[in-house]
C-alpha atoms as a PDB file:
ATOM      1  CA  MET A   1     -67.118  20.215  29.485  1.00  0.00           C
ATOM      2  CA  LEU A   2     -64.224  18.952  31.805  1.00  0.00           C
ATOM      3  CA  ILE A   3     -60.746  19.870  31.089  1.00  0.00           C
ATOM      4  CA  THR A   4     -58.736  16.578  30.665  1.00  0.00           C
ATOM      5  CA  GLN A   5     -55.264  15.596  29.318  1.00  0.00           C
ATOM      6  CA  TYR A   6     -55.108  16.137  25.574  1.00  0.00           C
ATOM      7  CA  SER A   7     -58.218  18.309  25.473  1.00  0.00           C
ATOM      8  CA  THR A   8     -58.119  21.326  23.242  1.00  0.00           C
ATOM      9  CA  VAL A   9     -58.970  24.501  24.880  1.00  0.00           C
ATOM     10  CA  LYS A  10     -59.496  28.050  23.702  1.00  0.00           C
ATOM     11  CA  ILE A  11     -58.393  31.049  25.779  1.00  0.00           C
ATOM     12  CA  VAL A  12     -61.523  33.253  26.266  1.00  0.00           C
ATOM     13  CA  ALA A  13     -59.951  35.611  28.924  1.00  0.00           C
ATOM     14  CA  LEU A  14     -56.562  36.135  30.591  1.00  0.00           C
ATOM     15  CA  HIS A  15     -56.599  37.075  34.369  1.00  0.00           C
ATOM     16  CA  ARG A  16     -52.705  36.887  34.713  1.00  0.00           C
ATOM     17  CA  LYS A  17     -49.882  38.954  33.325  1.00  0.00           C
ATOM     18  CA  PHE A  18     -47.451  36.381  31.832  1.00  0.00           C
ATOM     19  CA  ASN A  19     -43.772  36.642  32.242  1.00  0.00           C
ATOM     20  CA  GLU A  20     -41.888  38.221  29.171  1.00  0.00           C
ATOM     21  CA  VAL A  21     -38.640  36.748  30.524  1.00  0.00           C
ATOM     22  CA  ASN A  22     -39.563  33.332  28.956  1.00  0.00           C
ATOM     23  CA  VAL A  23     -39.863  34.961  25.442  1.00  0.00           C
ATOM     24  CA  GLN A  24     -36.621  36.850  25.994  1.00  0.00           C
ATOM     25  CA  ARG A  25     -34.804  33.632  26.970  1.00  0.00           C
ATOM     26  CA  GLY A  26     -36.219  31.725  24.017  1.00  0.00           C
ATOM     27  CA  PHE A  27     -38.376  29.461  25.927  1.00  0.00           C
ATOM     28  CA  ASP A  28     -41.510  30.740  24.191  1.00  0.00           C
ATOM     29  CA  ARG A  29     -41.940  32.413  20.860  1.00  0.00           C
ATOM     30  CA  ARG A  30     -44.542  34.714  22.310  1.00  0.00           C
ATOM     31  CA  LEU A  31     -47.103  35.074  25.184  1.00  0.00           C
ATOM     32  CA  PRO A  32     -50.545  33.607  25.419  1.00  0.00           C
ATOM     33  CA  GLN A  33     -53.321  35.643  23.930  1.00  0.00           C
ATOM     34  CA  ILE A  34     -57.146  35.548  23.971  1.00  0.00           C
ATOM     35  CA  GLY A  35     -58.307  33.423  21.188  1.00  0.00           C
ATOM     36  CA  ASP A  36     -55.303  31.042  21.302  1.00  0.00           C
ATOM     37  CA  LEU A  37     -55.968  27.362  20.946  1.00  0.00           C
ATOM     38  CA  ALA A  38     -53.965  25.129  23.053  1.00  0.00           C
ATOM     39  CA  THR A  39     -53.528  21.264  23.905  1.00  0.00           C
ATOM     40  CA  VAL A  40     -53.624  20.213  27.629  1.00  0.00           C
ATOM     41  CA  VAL A  41     -50.356  18.403  27.939  1.00  0.00           C
ATOM     42  CA  GLU A  42     -50.724  17.590  31.561  1.00  0.00           C
ATOM     43  CA  VAL A  43     -53.314  18.102  34.426  1.00  0.00           C
ATOM     44  CA  TYR A  44     -51.684  18.698  37.761  1.00  0.00           C
ATOM     45  CA  ARG A  45     -53.653  17.768  40.930  1.00  0.00           C
ATOM     46  CA  SER A  46     -51.128  18.073  43.542  1.00  0.00           C
ATOM     47  CA  PRO A  47     -50.433  20.345  45.506  1.00  0.00           C
ATOM     48  CA  THR A  48     -53.153  22.252  43.604  1.00  0.00           C
ATOM     49  CA  LEU A  49     -55.063  22.011  40.272  1.00  0.00           C
ATOM     50  CA  GLY A  50     -53.083  23.307  37.248  1.00  0.00           C
ATOM     51  CA  TYR A  51     -52.732  22.706  33.430  1.00  0.00           C
ATOM     52  CA  GLU A  52     -49.657  22.575  31.300  1.00  0.00           C
ATOM     53  CA  LEU A  53     -50.895  24.076  28.024  1.00  0.00           C
ATOM     54  CA  GLU A  54     -49.060  24.116  24.738  1.00  0.00           C
ATOM     55  CA  CYS A  55     -49.994  26.337  21.815  1.00  0.00           C
ATOM     56  CA  SER A  56     -48.551  25.434  18.376  1.00  0.00           C
ATOM     57  CA  ASN A  57     -48.868  27.249  15.032  1.00  0.00           C
ATOM     58  CA  SER A  58     -50.080  25.624  11.743  1.00  0.00           C
ATOM     59  CA  ASP A  59     -46.708  24.013  10.972  1.00  0.00           C
ATOM     60  CA  GLY A  60     -46.519  22.446  14.412  1.00  0.00           C
ATOM     61  CA  THR A  61     -43.967  24.859  15.932  1.00  0.00           C
ATOM     62  CA  THR A  62     -44.542  25.581  19.598  1.00  0.00           C
ATOM     63  CA  GLU A  63     -45.595  29.189  20.340  1.00  0.00           C
ATOM     64  CA  TRP A  64     -45.673  28.810  24.009  1.00  0.00           C
ATOM     65  CA  LEU A  65     -45.773  26.018  26.683  1.00  0.00           C
ATOM     66  CA  ILE A  66     -46.932  27.462  29.984  1.00  0.00           C
ATOM     67  CA  THR A  67     -48.525  26.051  33.264  1.00  0.00           C
ATOM     68  CA  PHE A  68     -51.798  27.740  34.116  1.00  0.00           C
ATOM     69  CA  SER A  69     -53.623  27.738  37.457  1.00  0.00           C
ATOM     70  CA  PRO A  70     -57.433  27.711  37.128  1.00  0.00           C
ATOM     71  CA  GLY A  71     -57.644  31.422  38.043  1.00  0.00           C
ATOM     72  CA  ASP A  72     -55.173  32.434  35.390  1.00  0.00           C
ATOM     73  CA  ALA A  73     -57.411  32.310  32.363  1.00  0.00           C
ATOM     74  CA  GLU A  74     -60.991  31.487  31.349  1.00  0.00           C
ATOM     75  CA  LEU A  75     -60.660  28.423  29.118  1.00  0.00           C
ATOM     76  CA  GLU A  76     -63.332  26.863  26.900  1.00  0.00           C
ATOM     77  CA  VAL A  77     -62.999  23.172  25.863  1.00  0.00           C
ATOM     78  CA  VAL A  78     -63.157  22.839  22.119  1.00  0.00           C
ATOM     79  CA  PRO A  79     -65.145  19.729  21.153  1.00  0.00           C
ATOM     80  CA  GLN A  80     -63.322  17.235  19.015  1.00  0.00           C
ATOM     81  CA  PRO A  81     -64.990  16.138  15.696  1.00  0.00           C
ATOM     82  CA  ASP A  82     -65.954  12.763  17.101  1.00  0.00           C
ATOM     83  CA  GLU A  83     -67.612  14.612  20.236  1.00  0.00           C
ATOM     84  CA  VAL A  84     -69.926  16.773  17.956  1.00  0.00           C
ATOM     85  CA  GLY A  85     -73.251  15.537  17.365  1.00  0.00           C
END
């Protein structure tokens, strides 16, 4: 499936070491992990392809908000209920 704005994606593999400084400064509560579900907040096409992903916990609090390049992780689009069938 194509990754588009507002898609839900699951992190299947990580290929980048993410910066702990964001957590230390309070921008993110933790770093991305395999198995995390995230919403595609924005798709960047210029100057290169990239995705702004936001992972929230069950009460809606943002765990992390990080820009990913396509090579940073293997992402799997999670079908929405209206897409299953």
